[in-house]
Amino acid sequence: MHLAPEPAVNVEFSNLADQGSTRTHENISWTSIPVSKGNFVAEDGANLLQGVFAGLDGTSVAGIFQWNGLSGGFVASDMSRAVPLLPIGQSSPDAAGEDVRLHVSVPSLDARRGIVGTVAEVSTIEGLLLDARPEDPVGVIQGVRIDRLELADTQIGGVASDVNGLGGWLDEGYFGAAGIYRTDEDLVQRRWASAALMVGTGSSSNPPDVSATWTGEMVGIDTSGSATDGNLVRGDASISLRTATYLLATVSLTGIVDQTSDLMRPDMWWGGIPVFNGSFESATSDDEIAGRFLGPDHHEVAGTFDWSGIQGAFGARIADP
């Protein structure tokens, strides 16, 4: 019997320099941190590192750290290169770290999150999803509960911001899409950042019933840069399977309504997406989608997408008998 090694990460912060001065700091590194369900934690006295891998293929990572008077956050979306670290705080006036860089190496692992958009803002959106999670079935449509996500005049990155989005809840997970809005110099509120995500426990195997159809809802936000940028959208989701050389998924997002103008938006459709180990994904230069069947009985499915200026997420389930 051969046992695969436990997934582990190595994290290094280098080129640490204070903003507005020439002072530098020593490099910071952690090695061989165990990964469990996409999360990793390292503690050494008052020093701390916490992170989570995102995306259905685990190729994005974000987290926070504290080390000898420095505190901050980091985000990366490509393990093959170094990316800037994003500071979220400091414990002394000269302990900023805009120029910190991150290097991460990790084998493939089973991450629970799928993210499209600005990874650094996902924690705010996910926090709203968790706070708004319903305790009763009121408002359920096609087995999916949808609610508005709103947060007014909150400090994000030291700037007063509003958050507006839509979230959905299943038995085995949740999904949502939201924008962060700020007022510009012309006193017009505009979308500053946005993201869509899904979180759920994957089945890690393909559904046995290829004749089944999962129905639910989709939510999204306009990121087109046009006059409708920042508008939320909502519609229906349908996921079906067929067998060819291997299992293929078809995803249809229809009946999409702009929540600001009440106008219909074009349908979205992906076909012939290979399904392996309960997950599927497809990407072109114009669009992308990634999904995962949830729960031990594959009763639910959720995912994220980006289609012609719409970032969003979807969730669906097999109708109860």
Protein backbone atom coordinates (compact mmCIF):
# COMPACT_ATOMS: atom_id res chain seq x y z
CA MET A 1 0.00 0.00 0.00
CA HIS A 2 1.29 3.46 -0.90
CA LEU A 3 0.09 6.47 1.08
CA ALA A 4 0.29 9.88 -0.58
CA PRO A 5 2.03 12.56 1.48
CA GLU A 6 -0.19 14.94 3.40
CA PRO A 7 -0.66 18.26 1.53
CA ALA A 8 1.47 21.04 3.00
CA VAL A 9 2.32 24.63 2.13
CA ASN A 10 5.47 26.74 2.28
CA VAL A 11 4.87 30.49 2.59
CA GLU A 12 7.51 33.20 2.25
CA PHE A 13 7.17 37.00 2.54
CA SER A 14 10.14 38.89 1.13
CA ASN A 15 11.11 42.43 0.06
CA LEU A 16 9.39 43.90 3.11
CA ALA A 17 9.74 47.69 3.11
CA ASP A 18 8.06 50.47 5.05
CA GLN A 19 5.97 52.88 3.04
CA GLY A 20 7.47 56.35 3.00
CA SER A 21 10.85 55.30 4.41
CA THR A 22 13.87 53.25 3.44
CA ARG A 23 13.59 50.86 6.37
CA THR A 24 13.35 47.17 5.48
CA HIS A 25 12.38 44.08 7.44
CA GLU A 26 13.73 40.57 7.51
CA ASN A 27 12.03 37.94 5.38
CA ILE A 28 9.26 35.89 6.99
CA SER A 29 8.74 32.24 6.16
CA TRP A 30 6.75 29.22 7.25
CA THR A 31 7.45 25.71 5.98
CA SER A 32 5.54 22.43 5.80
CA ILE A 33 2.23 23.72 7.16
CA PRO A 34 -0.37 20.90 7.03
CA VAL A 35 -3.46 21.55 4.89
CA SER A 36 -6.87 20.20 5.90
CA LYS A 37 -9.95 20.74 3.71
CA GLY A 38 -8.25 23.69 2.02
CA ASN A 39 -7.30 25.48 5.26
CA PHE A 40 -3.91 25.89 6.95
CA VAL A 41 -2.84 27.40 10.28
CA ALA A 42 0.61 27.93 11.82
CA GLU A 43 1.15 29.31 15.33
CA ASP A 44 4.40 30.08 17.15
CA GLY A 45 3.81 32.06 20.33
CA ALA A 46 2.35 35.43 19.30
CA ASN A 47 3.13 34.76 15.61
CA LEU A 48 0.27 33.46 13.50
CA LEU A 49 -0.50 32.53 9.90
CA GLN A 50 -3.96 31.50 8.67
CA GLY A 51 -4.94 30.83 5.07
CA VAL A 52 -7.47 29.11 2.83
CA PHE A 53 -7.27 27.83 -0.72
CA ALA A 54 -10.02 28.92 -3.09
CA GLY A 55 -11.30 27.83 -6.47
CA LEU A 56 -12.40 24.33 -7.31
CA ASP A 57 -8.85 23.47 -8.34
CA GLY A 58 -7.24 25.15 -5.32
CA THR A 59 -5.18 27.62 -7.37
CA SER A 60 -6.07 30.72 -5.35
CA VAL A 61 -5.13 31.40 -1.75
CA ALA A 62 -5.80 34.17 0.77
CA GLY A 63 -5.20 34.69 4.46
CA ILE A 64 -3.91 36.81 7.33
CA PHE A 65 -0.72 36.85 9.42
CA GLN A 66 0.91 38.40 12.49
CA TRP A 67 4.68 38.38 12.96
CA ASN A 68 6.81 40.41 15.39
CA GLY A 69 4.70 43.60 15.20
CA LEU A 70 3.60 43.20 11.58
CA SER A 71 0.03 42.21 10.77
CA GLY A 72 -1.56 41.94 7.37
CA GLY A 73 -3.27 39.85 4.74
CA PHE A 74 -2.22 38.15 1.54
CA VAL A 75 -3.83 36.89 -1.63
CA ALA A 76 -2.51 34.98 -4.65
CA SER A 77 -4.17 33.43 -7.67
CA ASP A 78 -1.25 31.76 -9.45
CA MET A 79 1.12 29.51 -7.54
CA SER A 80 3.82 29.83 -10.22
CA ARG A 81 4.66 33.47 -9.52
CA ALA A 82 5.04 35.99 -6.72
CA VAL A 83 2.25 38.52 -6.12
CA PRO A 84 1.92 41.60 -3.88
CA LEU A 85 0.66 41.11 -0.35
CA LEU A 86 -2.30 43.24 0.71
CA PRO A 87 -1.85 44.77 4.19
CA ILE A 88 -4.96 44.82 6.40
CA GLY A 89 -3.51 46.42 9.51
CA GLN A 90 -0.43 47.30 11.47
CA SER A 91 0.55 47.38 15.12
CA SER A 92 3.12 50.19 14.88
CA PRO A 93 3.27 53.30 12.65
CA ASP A 94 6.17 52.08 10.54
CA ALA A 95 5.02 48.49 10.06
CA ALA A 96 3.24 48.59 6.71
CA GLY A 97 4.09 46.14 3.98
CA GLU A 98 2.84 47.10 0.51
CA ASP A 99 5.88 45.56 -1.16
CA VAL A 100 5.73 42.20 0.57
CA ARG A 101 5.66 39.30 -1.86
CA LEU A 102 4.27 35.83 -1.43
CA HIS A 103 5.54 32.48 -2.67
CA VAL A 104 3.39 29.39 -2.17
CA SER A 105 3.95 25.79 -3.22
CA VAL A 106 1.30 23.15 -2.67
CA PRO A 107 0.20 19.82 -4.18
CA SER A 108 -3.36 19.45 -5.47
CA LEU A 109 -5.99 19.38 -2.73
CA ASP A 110 -9.74 19.41 -2.25
CA ALA A 111 -10.67 23.05 -1.62
CA ARG A 112 -14.25 23.77 -0.54
CA ARG A 113 -14.46 27.23 -2.09
CA GLY A 114 -14.98 28.52 -5.60
CA ILE A 115 -14.31 32.21 -6.24
CA VAL A 116 -14.70 34.55 -9.21
CA GLY A 117 -13.62 38.19 -8.97
CA THR A 118 -11.70 40.14 -6.37
CA VAL A 119 -10.45 37.50 -3.95
CA ALA A 120 -9.42 40.08 -1.36
CA GLU A 121 -13.08 41.11 -0.86
CA VAL A 122 -14.49 37.61 -0.52
CA SER A 123 -14.17 37.56 3.29
CA THR A 124 -16.56 40.54 3.55
CA ILE A 125 -19.09 38.91 1.24
CA GLU A 126 -18.81 35.52 2.90
CA GLY A 127 -19.30 37.14 6.30
CA LEU A 128 -22.58 38.63 5.09
CA LEU A 129 -23.67 35.24 3.77
CA LEU A 130 -22.99 33.60 7.12
CA ASP A 131 -24.74 36.36 9.07
CA ALA A 132 -27.84 36.18 6.85
CA ARG A 133 -28.11 32.39 6.71
CA PRO A 134 -31.80 31.58 7.33
CA GLU A 135 -33.08 29.31 10.08
CA ASP A 136 -36.46 28.70 8.47
CA PRO A 137 -37.55 27.67 4.93
CA VAL A 138 -39.53 30.85 4.20
CA GLY A 139 -38.64 32.29 0.79
CA VAL A 140 -37.39 29.03 -0.70
CA ILE A 141 -37.65 28.84 -4.49
CA GLN A 142 -36.95 25.50 -6.17
CA GLY A 143 -35.30 24.30 -2.97
CA VAL A 144 -32.97 27.32 -2.73
CA ARG A 145 -33.34 30.23 -0.30
CA ILE A 146 -32.32 33.63 -1.77
CA ASP A 147 -31.89 36.81 0.27
CA ARG A 148 -30.47 40.30 -0.22
CA LEU A 149 -27.04 41.03 1.26
CA GLU A 150 -26.64 44.64 2.40
CA LEU A 151 -24.13 46.52 4.50
CA ALA A 152 -24.13 50.34 4.61
CA ASP A 153 -21.35 52.79 5.41
CA THR A 154 -18.80 50.27 6.62
CA GLN A 155 -15.03 50.71 6.61
CA ILE A 156 -13.31 48.51 4.03
CA GLY A 157 -9.62 49.19 3.57
CA GLY A 158 -10.05 52.37 5.61
CA VAL A 159 -12.66 53.80 3.18
CA ALA A 160 -16.40 54.15 3.81
CA SER A 161 -18.14 51.65 1.55
CA ASP A 162 -21.50 50.00 0.93
CA VAL A 163 -21.97 46.32 0.12
CA ASN A 164 -24.91 45.09 -1.95
CA GLY A 165 -25.47 41.56 -3.16
CA LEU A 166 -27.58 38.40 -3.30
CA GLY A 167 -26.97 35.15 -1.45
CA GLY A 168 -28.40 31.66 -1.68
CA TRP A 169 -28.40 28.73 0.76
CA LEU A 170 -28.58 24.98 0.29
CA ASP A 171 -28.43 22.17 2.85
CA GLU A 172 -24.77 21.46 2.03
CA GLY A 173 -23.46 24.92 1.21
CA TYR A 174 -24.11 28.49 0.19
CA PHE A 175 -23.33 30.85 -2.70
CA GLY A 176 -23.55 34.54 -3.48
CA ALA A 177 -22.45 37.55 -5.51
CA ALA A 178 -21.96 41.08 -4.24
CA GLY A 179 -20.36 44.39 -5.05
CA ILE A 180 -18.53 46.92 -2.91
CA TYR A 181 -19.57 50.47 -3.79
CA ARG A 182 -17.87 53.79 -3.06
CA THR A 183 -18.72 57.41 -3.79
CA ASP A 184 -16.36 59.06 -6.29
CA GLU A 185 -15.22 62.70 -6.54
CA ASP A 186 -18.43 63.53 -8.45
CA LEU A 187 -20.49 62.19 -5.53
CA VAL A 188 -21.67 59.27 -7.67
CA GLN A 189 -21.66 55.83 -6.09
CA ARG A 190 -19.87 53.29 -8.28
CA ARG A 191 -18.84 49.65 -8.00
CA TRP A 192 -15.31 49.51 -6.63
CA ALA A 193 -14.89 45.73 -6.41
CA SER A 194 -17.01 42.62 -6.66
CA ALA A 195 -16.86 38.87 -6.25
CA ALA A 196 -18.93 35.72 -6.43
CA LEU A 197 -18.35 32.58 -4.42
CA MET A 198 -19.68 29.20 -3.45
CA VAL A 199 -18.81 27.19 -0.36
CA GLY A 200 -19.85 23.59 0.13
CA THR A 201 -18.71 20.08 0.97
CA GLY A 202 -17.99 18.31 -2.30
CA SER A 203 -19.14 14.76 -2.91
CA SER A 204 -15.75 13.81 -4.49
CA SER A 205 -17.55 11.34 -6.75
CA ASN A 206 -19.82 11.56 -9.77
CA PRO A 207 -23.61 11.34 -9.41
CA PRO A 208 -24.87 7.81 -10.14
CA ASP A 209 -28.15 8.99 -11.70
CA VAL A 210 -27.30 10.57 -15.05
CA SER A 211 -30.99 11.12 -15.85
CA ALA A 212 -31.47 13.54 -12.94
CA THR A 213 -31.86 17.31 -13.25
CA TRP A 214 -30.85 19.80 -10.56
CA THR A 215 -32.89 23.03 -10.48
CA GLY A 216 -32.34 26.19 -8.48
CA GLU A 217 -31.26 29.80 -8.82
CA MET A 218 -28.42 31.98 -9.98
CA VAL A 219 -27.30 35.38 -8.69
CA GLY A 220 -24.81 37.76 -10.24
CA ILE A 221 -23.43 41.26 -10.57
CA ASP A 222 -22.76 43.30 -13.70
CA THR A 223 -19.03 44.01 -14.15
CA SER A 224 -19.23 45.22 -17.77
CA GLY A 225 -18.09 48.79 -17.14
CA SER A 226 -21.20 50.04 -18.96
CA ALA A 227 -24.11 52.08 -17.62
CA THR A 228 -25.47 48.93 -15.93
CA ASP A 229 -22.22 48.17 -14.10
CA GLY A 230 -22.89 47.19 -10.50
CA ASN A 231 -26.48 46.09 -11.09
CA LEU A 232 -27.47 42.79 -9.51
CA VAL A 233 -29.15 40.03 -11.53
CA ARG A 234 -31.12 36.96 -10.56
CA GLY A 235 -32.50 34.01 -12.49
CA ASP A 236 -33.07 30.26 -12.71
CA ALA A 237 -30.43 27.53 -12.84
CA SER A 238 -30.68 24.05 -14.32
CA ILE A 239 -27.92 21.41 -14.39
CA SER A 240 -28.28 18.11 -16.23
CA LEU A 241 -25.98 15.22 -17.16
CA ARG A 242 -25.45 12.90 -20.09
CA THR A 243 -23.07 10.06 -20.77
CA ALA A 244 -20.74 10.07 -23.76
CA THR A 245 -17.16 8.80 -23.58
CA TYR A 246 -17.36 10.18 -20.03
CA LEU A 247 -19.90 12.06 -17.94
CA LEU A 248 -20.81 15.52 -19.27
CA ALA A 249 -22.70 18.38 -17.61
CA THR A 250 -24.96 21.02 -19.15
CA VAL A 251 -25.62 24.23 -17.22
CA SER A 252 -28.45 26.59 -18.22
CA LEU A 253 -29.02 29.95 -16.52
CA THR A 254 -32.31 31.43 -17.75
CA GLY A 255 -35.00 33.94 -16.86
CA ILE A 256 -32.33 36.39 -15.73
CA VAL A 257 -33.75 39.71 -14.49
CA ASP A 258 -31.82 42.90 -13.78
CA GLN A 259 -32.77 43.78 -10.21
CA THR A 260 -32.35 47.52 -10.86
CA SER A 261 -34.10 47.98 -14.21
CA ASP A 262 -36.37 44.88 -14.15
CA LEU A 263 -35.23 44.20 -17.73
CA MET A 264 -34.42 40.69 -18.93
CA ARG A 265 -30.80 39.73 -19.53
CA PRO A 266 -29.59 37.13 -22.10
CA ASP A 267 -29.63 33.46 -21.08
CA MET A 268 -26.33 31.72 -20.36
CA TRP A 269 -25.52 28.15 -21.40
CA TRP A 270 -22.58 25.76 -21.13
CA GLY A 271 -22.69 22.27 -22.62
CA GLY A 272 -20.49 19.20 -22.76
CA ILE A 273 -18.47 20.00 -19.61
CA PRO A 274 -16.56 16.91 -18.41
CA VAL A 275 -17.36 15.82 -14.84
CA PHE A 276 -14.59 14.21 -12.79
CA ASN A 277 -14.76 13.33 -9.09
CA GLY A 278 -17.95 15.31 -8.69
CA SER A 279 -16.57 18.56 -10.15
CA PHE A 280 -16.73 20.27 -13.54
CA GLU A 281 -15.19 23.37 -15.06
CA SER A 282 -14.77 25.08 -18.41
CA ALA A 283 -13.02 28.27 -19.48
CA THR A 284 -12.58 30.21 -22.71
CA SER A 285 -11.35 33.71 -23.48
CA ASP A 286 -14.93 34.97 -23.06
CA ASP A 287 -16.40 33.00 -20.16
CA GLU A 288 -15.73 30.49 -17.41
CA ILE A 289 -17.71 28.22 -15.12
CA ALA A 290 -16.84 25.83 -12.29
CA GLY A 291 -19.20 23.68 -10.27
CA ARG A 292 -19.31 20.89 -7.74
CA PHE A 293 -21.88 18.34 -6.63
CA LEU A 294 -22.45 18.59 -2.89
CA GLY A 295 -23.15 16.13 -0.15
CA PRO A 296 -22.73 12.36 0.05
CA ASP A 297 -25.85 11.75 -2.05
CA HIS A 298 -25.06 14.38 -4.75
CA HIS A 299 -28.42 15.96 -3.90
CA GLU A 300 -27.15 19.49 -4.53
CA VAL A 301 -24.78 21.33 -6.84
CA ALA A 302 -23.25 24.82 -6.71
CA GLY A 303 -20.65 26.84 -8.57
CA THR A 304 -19.39 30.15 -9.91
CA PHE A 305 -19.26 31.69 -13.37
CA ASP A 306 -18.14 34.71 -15.39
CA TRP A 307 -20.07 35.38 -18.59
CA SER A 308 -19.91 38.51 -20.79
CA GLY A 309 -19.55 41.00 -17.96
CA ILE A 310 -21.58 39.11 -15.35
CA GLN A 311 -19.86 37.52 -12.34
CA GLY A 312 -22.08 35.17 -10.42
CA ALA A 313 -22.83 31.95 -8.63
CA PHE A 314 -25.54 29.31 -8.71
CA GLY A 315 -27.03 26.62 -6.53
CA ALA A 316 -29.50 23.85 -7.31
CA ARG A 317 -30.87 20.60 -5.97
CA ILE A 318 -32.79 17.53 -7.09
CA ALA A 319 -36.50 17.93 -6.34
CA ASP A 320 -37.63 16.00 -3.28
CA PRO A 321 -39.78 12.96 -4.18
